[in-house]
């Protein structure tokens, strides 16, 4: 790209390319990467793109991803990539009032995220440690909207 300005990204390296372009201030390449990512957002990759957009302060791309996640909440929350998000990104998602998912699904996704966070930090995923990993995230779960039987069983 630097010499020929030919842009033919590969799906498995586009996020790394965008990061490098941002780091080295290759603005034309950053814009090309953002446009390409904007066009390929799916349930499978939206969490990874959202995380990167947040990290690199790409507000338009981040907003598009958050809108997509909000509309496809049930499917996105089930993806393993959700468990790899930062706590900040998880918070942005679960506090969306229009998130298309049952609150039980939000609870299960956040619980899975906390278990993954424990694993990343090499600590036992017991209830105490998971609560510690959650920090203030549990404040955004709308427990009152959950089915009473479901909540009582947990």
N, C-alpha and C. Protein backbone atom coordinates (compact mmCIF):
# COMPACT_ATOMS: atom_id res chain seq x y z
N UNK A 1 0.82 -1.20 0.00
CA UNK A 1 0.00 0.00 0.00
C UNK A 1 0.86 1.26 0.00
N UNK A 2 1.92 1.24 0.76
CA UNK A 2 2.76 2.43 0.90
C UNK A 2 3.32 2.89 -0.44
N UNK A 3 3.64 1.95 -1.32
CA UNK A 3 4.26 2.33 -2.58
C UNK A 3 3.26 2.42 -3.73
N UNK A 4 2.28 1.54 -3.73
CA UNK A 4 1.36 1.46 -4.87
C UNK A 4 -0.05 1.92 -4.54
N UNK A 5 -0.33 2.13 -3.27
CA UNK A 5 -1.66 2.51 -2.80
C UNK A 5 -2.74 1.52 -3.23
N UNK A 6 -2.34 0.28 -3.40
CA UNK A 6 -3.29 -0.79 -3.70
C UNK A 6 -3.76 -1.37 -2.36
N UNK A 7 -5.06 -1.42 -2.18
CA UNK A 7 -5.61 -1.87 -0.90
C UNK A 7 -6.40 -3.14 -1.10
N UNK A 8 -5.80 -4.26 -0.72
CA UNK A 8 -6.45 -5.56 -0.83
C UNK A 8 -6.28 -6.29 0.50
N UNK A 9 -7.03 -5.89 1.51
CA UNK A 9 -6.85 -6.49 2.84
C UNK A 9 -7.36 -7.92 2.90
N UNK A 10 -6.82 -8.64 3.84
CA UNK A 10 -7.29 -10.00 4.11
C UNK A 10 -8.07 -9.96 5.42
N UNK A 11 -9.13 -10.69 5.46
CA UNK A 11 -10.04 -10.68 6.61
C UNK A 11 -9.32 -10.99 7.92
N UNK A 12 -8.36 -11.89 7.87
CA UNK A 12 -7.69 -12.30 9.11
C UNK A 12 -6.59 -11.34 9.58
N UNK A 13 -6.26 -10.33 8.77
CA UNK A 13 -5.20 -9.41 9.17
C UNK A 13 -5.63 -7.94 9.16
N UNK A 14 -6.87 -7.67 8.87
CA UNK A 14 -7.32 -6.28 8.73
C UNK A 14 -7.21 -5.50 10.04
N UNK A 15 -7.52 -6.13 11.16
CA UNK A 15 -7.45 -5.41 12.44
C UNK A 15 -6.01 -5.05 12.78
N UNK A 16 -5.09 -5.97 12.51
CA UNK A 16 -3.67 -5.68 12.75
C UNK A 16 -3.18 -4.59 11.80
N UNK A 17 -3.65 -4.63 10.57
CA UNK A 17 -3.28 -3.60 9.59
C UNK A 17 -3.80 -2.23 10.03
N UNK A 18 -5.03 -2.19 10.50
CA UNK A 18 -5.59 -0.92 10.97
C UNK A 18 -4.81 -0.40 12.17
N UNK A 19 -4.46 -1.27 13.07
CA UNK A 19 -3.68 -0.87 14.25
C UNK A 19 -2.33 -0.28 13.82
N UNK A 20 -1.63 -0.97 12.92
CA UNK A 20 -0.32 -0.49 12.46
C UNK A 20 -0.46 0.84 11.72
N UNK A 21 -1.48 0.96 10.88
CA UNK A 21 -1.70 2.20 10.14
C UNK A 21 -1.96 3.36 11.09
N UNK A 22 -2.70 3.10 12.15
CA UNK A 22 -2.96 4.13 13.15
C UNK A 22 -1.69 4.48 13.91
N UNK A 23 -0.97 3.46 14.32
CA UNK A 23 0.26 3.66 15.09
C UNK A 23 1.28 4.49 14.32
N UNK A 24 1.41 4.23 13.02
CA UNK A 24 2.40 4.92 12.21
C UNK A 24 1.82 6.08 11.41
N UNK A 25 0.60 6.47 11.75
CA UNK A 25 -0.06 7.65 11.17
C UNK A 25 -0.12 7.63 9.65
N UNK A 26 -0.50 6.47 9.10
CA UNK A 26 -0.73 6.36 7.66
C UNK A 26 -2.23 6.57 7.46
N UNK A 27 -2.62 7.84 7.45
CA UNK A 27 -4.03 8.22 7.52
C UNK A 27 -4.88 7.68 6.38
N UNK A 28 -4.34 7.67 5.16
CA UNK A 28 -5.12 7.12 4.04
C UNK A 28 -5.43 5.65 4.26
N UNK A 29 -4.45 4.92 4.78
CA UNK A 29 -4.65 3.50 5.04
C UNK A 29 -5.62 3.28 6.20
N UNK A 30 -5.54 4.13 7.21
CA UNK A 30 -6.49 4.04 8.33
C UNK A 30 -7.91 4.20 7.80
N UNK A 31 -8.14 5.22 6.98
CA UNK A 31 -9.48 5.45 6.42
C UNK A 31 -9.94 4.28 5.56
N UNK A 32 -9.02 3.71 4.77
CA UNK A 32 -9.37 2.56 3.93
C UNK A 32 -9.75 1.36 4.80
N UNK A 33 -9.00 1.14 5.87
CA UNK A 33 -9.31 0.02 6.78
C UNK A 33 -10.66 0.21 7.45
N UNK A 34 -10.92 1.43 7.93
CA UNK A 34 -12.19 1.71 8.61
C UNK A 34 -13.35 1.51 7.65
N UNK A 35 -13.21 1.99 6.42
CA UNK A 35 -14.28 1.82 5.42
C UNK A 35 -14.50 0.33 5.15
N UNK A 36 -13.43 -0.41 4.98
CA UNK A 36 -13.55 -1.83 4.71
C UNK A 36 -14.23 -2.54 5.89
N UNK A 37 -13.79 -2.24 7.10
CA UNK A 37 -14.40 -2.86 8.29
C UNK A 37 -15.87 -2.49 8.41
N UNK A 38 -16.18 -1.25 8.11
CA UNK A 38 -17.56 -0.76 8.17
C UNK A 38 -18.48 -1.58 7.26
N UNK A 39 -17.93 -2.06 6.16
CA UNK A 39 -18.72 -2.81 5.17
C UNK A 39 -18.84 -4.29 5.48
N UNK A 40 -18.04 -4.80 6.42
CA UNK A 40 -18.03 -6.26 6.64
C UNK A 40 -18.47 -6.67 8.05
N UNK A 41 -19.12 -5.78 8.78
CA UNK A 41 -19.57 -6.10 10.14
C UNK A 41 -20.61 -7.22 10.10
N UNK A 42 -20.34 -8.27 10.88
CA UNK A 42 -21.27 -9.40 11.01
C UNK A 42 -21.38 -9.78 12.49
N UNK A 43 -22.29 -10.67 12.79
CA UNK A 43 -22.43 -11.18 14.16
C UNK A 43 -21.12 -11.84 14.60
N UNK A 44 -20.43 -12.47 13.66
CA UNK A 44 -19.20 -13.19 13.98
C UNK A 44 -18.04 -12.27 14.35
N UNK A 45 -17.96 -11.08 13.73
CA UNK A 45 -16.78 -10.24 13.93
C UNK A 45 -17.04 -8.91 14.62
N UNK A 46 -18.28 -8.61 14.94
CA UNK A 46 -18.62 -7.28 15.45
C UNK A 46 -17.93 -6.98 16.78
N UNK A 47 -17.77 -7.95 17.64
CA UNK A 47 -17.12 -7.68 18.94
C UNK A 47 -15.66 -7.31 18.75
N UNK A 48 -14.97 -8.02 17.87
CA UNK A 48 -13.56 -7.70 17.60
C UNK A 48 -13.42 -6.31 16.99
N UNK A 49 -14.28 -6.00 16.04
CA UNK A 49 -14.22 -4.68 15.40
C UNK A 49 -14.58 -3.59 16.40
N UNK A 50 -15.60 -3.83 17.22
CA UNK A 50 -16.01 -2.86 18.23
C UNK A 50 -14.88 -2.58 19.22
N UNK A 51 -14.25 -3.64 19.69
CA UNK A 51 -13.14 -3.49 20.64
C UNK A 51 -12.02 -2.64 20.03
N UNK A 52 -11.66 -2.93 18.79
CA UNK A 52 -10.59 -2.19 18.12
C UNK A 52 -11.01 -0.74 17.88
N UNK A 53 -12.24 -0.54 17.45
CA UNK A 53 -12.73 0.82 17.19
C UNK A 53 -12.68 1.65 18.48
N UNK A 54 -13.04 1.04 19.59
CA UNK A 54 -12.96 1.73 20.88
C UNK A 54 -11.51 2.06 21.23
N UNK A 55 -10.64 1.08 21.07
CA UNK A 55 -9.23 1.27 21.43
C UNK A 55 -8.55 2.34 20.59
N UNK A 56 -8.95 2.44 19.31
CA UNK A 56 -8.31 3.39 18.41
C UNK A 56 -9.12 4.67 18.25
N UNK A 57 -10.16 4.81 19.05
CA UNK A 57 -10.99 6.02 19.06
C UNK A 57 -11.61 6.32 17.70
N UNK A 58 -12.08 5.27 17.04
CA UNK A 58 -12.80 5.40 15.77
C UNK A 58 -14.28 5.49 16.11
N UNK A 59 -14.75 6.69 16.42
CA UNK A 59 -16.09 6.86 16.97
C UNK A 59 -17.21 6.46 16.01
N UNK A 60 -17.07 6.76 14.73
CA UNK A 60 -18.12 6.39 13.78
C UNK A 60 -18.24 4.87 13.66
N UNK A 61 -17.11 4.21 13.51
CA UNK A 61 -17.12 2.75 13.41
C UNK A 61 -17.62 2.13 14.71
N UNK A 62 -17.20 2.67 15.82
CA UNK A 62 -17.64 2.19 17.12
C UNK A 62 -19.15 2.32 17.27
N UNK A 63 -19.69 3.45 16.86
CA UNK A 63 -21.15 3.67 16.94
C UNK A 63 -21.91 2.71 16.05
N UNK A 64 -21.38 2.47 14.85
CA UNK A 64 -22.04 1.53 13.95
C UNK A 64 -22.04 0.13 14.56
N UNK A 65 -20.91 -0.26 15.13
CA UNK A 65 -20.83 -1.58 15.77
C UNK A 65 -21.79 -1.68 16.94
N UNK A 66 -21.86 -0.65 17.76
CA UNK A 66 -22.75 -0.68 18.91
C UNK A 66 -24.21 -0.75 18.47
N UNK A 67 -24.57 -0.04 17.41
CA UNK A 67 -25.93 -0.14 16.86
C UNK A 67 -26.21 -1.56 16.38
N UNK A 68 -25.23 -2.15 15.68
CA UNK A 68 -25.38 -3.52 15.17
C UNK A 68 -25.55 -4.50 16.33
N UNK A 69 -24.72 -4.33 17.36
CA UNK A 69 -24.80 -5.20 18.54
C UNK A 69 -26.16 -5.05 19.22
N UNK A 70 -26.62 -3.82 19.34
CA UNK A 70 -27.91 -3.55 19.98
C UNK A 70 -29.04 -4.25 19.23
N UNK A 71 -29.00 -4.20 17.90
CA UNK A 71 -30.05 -4.82 17.08
C UNK A 71 -29.95 -6.35 17.06
N UNK A 72 -28.76 -6.88 17.23
CA UNK A 72 -28.53 -8.32 17.15
C UNK A 72 -28.04 -8.89 18.48
N UNK A 73 -28.48 -8.29 19.56
CA UNK A 73 -27.98 -8.61 20.89
C UNK A 73 -27.98 -10.08 21.24
N UNK A 74 -29.08 -10.74 21.02
CA UNK A 74 -29.21 -12.16 21.39
C UNK A 74 -28.10 -12.99 20.74
N UNK A 75 -27.85 -12.78 19.46
CA UNK A 75 -26.83 -13.55 18.76
C UNK A 75 -25.42 -13.16 19.17
N UNK A 76 -25.18 -11.87 19.33
CA UNK A 76 -23.84 -11.38 19.68
C UNK A 76 -23.44 -11.84 21.08
N UNK A 77 -24.37 -11.79 22.02
CA UNK A 77 -24.05 -12.19 23.40
C UNK A 77 -23.65 -13.66 23.50
N UNK A 78 -24.05 -14.47 22.54
CA UNK A 78 -23.72 -15.89 22.55
C UNK A 78 -22.34 -16.19 21.98
N UNK A 79 -21.73 -15.23 21.34
CA UNK A 79 -20.44 -15.45 20.68
C UNK A 79 -19.30 -15.44 21.69
N UNK A 80 -18.33 -16.31 21.46
CA UNK A 80 -17.15 -16.37 22.31
C UNK A 80 -16.40 -15.04 22.29
N UNK A 81 -16.46 -14.33 21.18
CA UNK A 81 -15.75 -13.05 21.08
C UNK A 81 -16.30 -12.03 22.08
N UNK A 82 -17.56 -12.18 22.51
CA UNK A 82 -18.10 -11.28 23.53
C UNK A 82 -17.29 -11.41 24.82
N UNK A 83 -16.89 -12.64 25.14
CA UNK A 83 -16.15 -12.89 26.37
C UNK A 83 -14.74 -12.31 26.34
N UNK A 84 -14.27 -11.91 25.16
CA UNK A 84 -12.93 -11.34 25.02
C UNK A 84 -12.92 -9.82 25.05
N UNK A 85 -14.08 -9.22 25.18
CA UNK A 85 -14.16 -7.76 25.20
C UNK A 85 -13.60 -7.19 26.51
N UNK A 86 -13.21 -5.93 26.46
CA UNK A 86 -12.80 -5.24 27.69
C UNK A 86 -14.05 -4.99 28.53
N UNK A 87 -13.85 -4.76 29.81
CA UNK A 87 -15.00 -4.47 30.68
C UNK A 87 -15.71 -3.20 30.23
N UNK A 88 -14.95 -2.25 29.71
CA UNK A 88 -15.55 -1.00 29.22
C UNK A 88 -16.50 -1.27 28.06
N UNK A 89 -16.07 -2.11 27.11
CA UNK A 89 -16.94 -2.44 25.98
C UNK A 89 -18.17 -3.23 26.42
N UNK A 90 -17.98 -4.17 27.34
CA UNK A 90 -19.11 -4.92 27.87
C UNK A 90 -20.11 -3.97 28.51
N UNK A 91 -19.62 -3.02 29.27
CA UNK A 91 -20.50 -2.05 29.92
C UNK A 91 -21.27 -1.24 28.89
N UNK A 92 -20.59 -0.77 27.85
CA UNK A 92 -21.28 0.00 26.81
C UNK A 92 -22.43 -0.80 26.20
N UNK A 93 -22.21 -2.09 26.02
CA UNK A 93 -23.22 -2.95 25.41
C UNK A 93 -24.38 -3.20 26.35
N UNK A 94 -24.09 -3.64 27.57
CA UNK A 94 -25.19 -4.09 28.44
C UNK A 94 -26.02 -2.94 28.99
N UNK A 95 -25.52 -1.73 28.92
CA UNK A 95 -26.35 -0.63 29.41
C UNK A 95 -27.21 0.00 28.31
N UNK A 96 -27.20 -0.61 27.13
CA UNK A 96 -28.07 -0.14 26.05
C UNK A 96 -29.52 -0.50 26.38
N UNK A 97 -30.37 0.48 26.46
CA UNK A 97 -31.79 0.23 26.77
C UNK A 97 -32.49 -0.55 25.67
N UNK A 98 -32.01 -0.42 24.46
CA UNK A 98 -32.67 -1.06 23.32
C UNK A 98 -32.02 -2.38 22.92
N UNK A 99 -31.14 -2.92 23.76
CA UNK A 99 -30.46 -4.18 23.44
C UNK A 99 -31.49 -5.28 23.22
N UNK A 100 -31.46 -5.89 22.06
CA UNK A 100 -32.42 -6.93 21.70
C UNK A 100 -31.99 -8.27 22.28
N UNK A 101 -32.20 -8.43 23.56
CA UNK A 101 -31.90 -9.67 24.26
C UNK A 101 -32.66 -9.67 25.57
N UNK A 102 -33.03 -10.85 26.00
CA UNK A 102 -33.67 -10.97 27.31
C UNK A 102 -32.62 -10.70 28.38
N UNK A 103 -33.08 -10.21 29.49
CA UNK A 103 -32.13 -9.88 30.57
C UNK A 103 -31.44 -11.14 31.10
N UNK A 104 -32.10 -12.28 31.00
CA UNK A 104 -31.47 -13.54 31.39
C UNK A 104 -30.27 -13.83 30.48
N UNK A 105 -30.41 -13.50 29.20
CA UNK A 105 -29.31 -13.71 28.25
C UNK A 105 -28.15 -12.75 28.54
N UNK A 106 -28.49 -11.54 28.92
CA UNK A 106 -27.45 -10.57 29.31
C UNK A 106 -26.71 -11.09 30.54
N UNK A 107 -27.46 -11.56 31.52
CA UNK A 107 -26.87 -12.10 32.74
C UNK A 107 -25.91 -13.25 32.43
N UNK A 108 -26.36 -14.20 31.60
CA UNK A 108 -25.52 -15.35 31.26
C UNK A 108 -24.27 -14.92 30.50
N UNK A 109 -24.41 -13.95 29.60
CA UNK A 109 -23.26 -13.47 28.83
C UNK A 109 -22.24 -12.79 29.74
N UNK A 110 -22.73 -11.99 30.66
CA UNK A 110 -21.83 -11.29 31.59
C UNK A 110 -21.17 -12.29 32.54
N UNK A 111 -21.92 -13.29 32.94
CA UNK A 111 -21.35 -14.35 33.78
C UNK A 111 -20.23 -15.08 33.03
N UNK A 112 -20.47 -15.39 31.76
CA UNK A 112 -19.44 -16.02 30.93
C UNK A 112 -18.22 -15.12 30.76
N UNK A 113 -18.48 -13.82 30.59
CA UNK A 113 -17.38 -12.86 30.47
C UNK A 113 -16.54 -12.86 31.75
N UNK A 114 -17.19 -12.87 32.91
CA UNK A 114 -16.47 -12.87 34.19
C UNK A 114 -15.63 -14.13 34.35
N UNK A 115 -16.16 -15.28 33.92
CA UNK A 115 -15.40 -16.53 33.97
C UNK A 115 -14.16 -16.43 33.08
N UNK A 116 -14.34 -15.88 31.90
CA UNK A 116 -13.21 -15.72 30.98
C UNK A 116 -12.18 -14.74 31.53
N UNK A 117 -12.66 -13.69 32.17
CA UNK A 117 -11.75 -12.71 32.77
C UNK A 117 -10.94 -13.35 33.89
N UNK A 118 -11.57 -14.21 34.67
CA UNK A 118 -10.83 -14.95 35.71
C UNK A 118 -9.75 -15.82 35.06
N UNK A 119 -10.10 -16.51 33.99
CA UNK A 119 -9.13 -17.36 33.29
C UNK A 119 -7.97 -16.54 32.75
N UNK A 120 -8.26 -15.37 32.17
CA UNK A 120 -7.19 -14.51 31.64
C UNK A 120 -6.23 -14.07 32.74
N UNK A 121 -6.76 -13.92 33.93
CA UNK A 121 -5.92 -13.46 35.05
C UNK A 121 -5.40 -14.61 35.91
N UNK A 122 -5.65 -15.83 35.45
CA UNK A 122 -5.19 -17.04 36.14
C UNK A 122 -5.66 -17.10 37.60
N UNK A 123 -6.94 -16.80 37.79
CA UNK A 123 -7.51 -16.95 39.13
C UNK A 123 -8.72 -17.88 39.06
N UNK A 124 -9.02 -18.51 40.14
CA UNK A 124 -10.14 -19.46 40.20
C UNK A 124 -11.46 -18.73 39.95
N UNK A 125 -12.28 -19.25 39.03
CA UNK A 125 -13.56 -18.58 38.73
C UNK A 125 -14.66 -18.91 39.74
N UNK A 126 -14.40 -18.63 41.00
CA UNK A 126 -15.42 -18.83 42.04
C UNK A 126 -16.31 -17.58 42.09
N UNK A 127 -17.40 -17.67 42.84
CA UNK A 127 -18.36 -16.57 42.90
C UNK A 127 -17.70 -15.27 43.37
N UNK A 128 -16.84 -15.35 44.37
CA UNK A 128 -16.17 -14.15 44.90
C UNK A 128 -15.30 -13.49 43.83
N UNK A 129 -14.48 -14.29 43.15
CA UNK A 129 -13.59 -13.73 42.13
C UNK A 129 -14.37 -13.20 40.93
N UNK A 130 -15.44 -13.88 40.57
CA UNK A 130 -16.25 -13.41 39.44
C UNK A 130 -16.90 -12.07 39.77
N UNK A 131 -17.41 -11.92 40.99
CA UNK A 131 -17.98 -10.63 41.40
C UNK A 131 -16.92 -9.54 41.35
N UNK A 132 -15.71 -9.90 41.75
CA UNK A 132 -14.60 -8.95 41.72
C UNK A 132 -14.29 -8.53 40.27
N UNK A 133 -14.31 -9.48 39.34
CA UNK A 133 -14.05 -9.18 37.93
C UNK A 133 -15.16 -8.30 37.36
N UNK A 134 -16.38 -8.54 37.79
CA UNK A 134 -17.52 -7.76 37.29
C UNK A 134 -17.44 -6.29 37.68
N UNK A 135 -16.89 -6.02 38.84
CA UNK A 135 -16.85 -4.63 39.29
C UNK A 135 -18.25 -4.04 39.26
N UNK A 136 -18.43 -2.93 38.58
CA UNK A 136 -19.73 -2.28 38.51
C UNK A 136 -20.63 -2.79 37.40
N UNK A 137 -20.17 -3.78 36.62
CA UNK A 137 -20.99 -4.28 35.51
C UNK A 137 -22.33 -4.82 36.00
N UNK A 138 -22.34 -5.46 37.16
CA UNK A 138 -23.59 -6.05 37.65
C UNK A 138 -24.66 -4.98 37.88
N UNK A 139 -24.26 -3.74 38.06
CA UNK A 139 -25.24 -2.66 38.25
C UNK A 139 -26.07 -2.39 37.01
N UNK A 140 -25.58 -2.84 35.85
CA UNK A 140 -26.29 -2.59 34.59
C UNK A 140 -27.20 -3.75 34.19
N UNK A 141 -27.17 -4.82 34.95
CA UNK A 141 -28.07 -5.94 34.69
C UNK A 141 -29.40 -5.62 35.35
N UNK A 142 -30.46 -5.72 34.60
CA UNK A 142 -31.80 -5.36 35.09
C UNK A 142 -32.46 -6.59 35.70
N UNK A 143 -32.07 -6.89 36.93
CA UNK A 143 -32.56 -8.09 37.61
C UNK A 143 -34.08 -8.09 37.74
N UNK A 144 -34.68 -6.93 37.90
CA UNK A 144 -36.13 -6.85 38.06
C UNK A 144 -36.88 -7.30 36.81
N UNK A 145 -36.22 -7.29 35.66
CA UNK A 145 -36.87 -7.71 34.42
C UNK A 145 -36.74 -9.22 34.17
N UNK A 146 -35.97 -9.89 35.01
CA UNK A 146 -35.79 -11.33 34.84
C UNK A 146 -37.01 -12.08 35.37
N UNK A 147 -37.24 -13.23 34.78
CA UNK A 147 -38.27 -14.13 35.26
C UNK A 147 -37.92 -14.53 36.70
N UNK A 148 -38.88 -14.47 37.59
CA UNK A 148 -38.61 -14.76 39.01
C UNK A 148 -38.06 -16.16 39.23
N UNK A 149 -38.63 -17.12 38.52
CA UNK A 149 -38.17 -18.50 38.67
C UNK A 149 -36.72 -18.63 38.22
N UNK A 150 -36.39 -18.04 37.09
CA UNK A 150 -35.01 -18.07 36.60
C UNK A 150 -34.07 -17.47 37.63
N UNK A 151 -34.42 -16.30 38.12
CA UNK A 151 -33.58 -15.59 39.08
C UNK A 151 -33.43 -16.40 40.37
N UNK A 152 -34.50 -17.00 40.83
CA UNK A 152 -34.46 -17.79 42.06
C UNK A 152 -33.60 -19.04 41.90
N UNK A 153 -33.59 -19.62 40.69
CA UNK A 153 -32.80 -20.83 40.43
C UNK A 153 -31.31 -20.54 40.34
N UNK A 154 -30.94 -19.30 40.17
CA UNK A 154 -29.53 -18.95 40.01
C UNK A 154 -28.94 -18.61 41.34
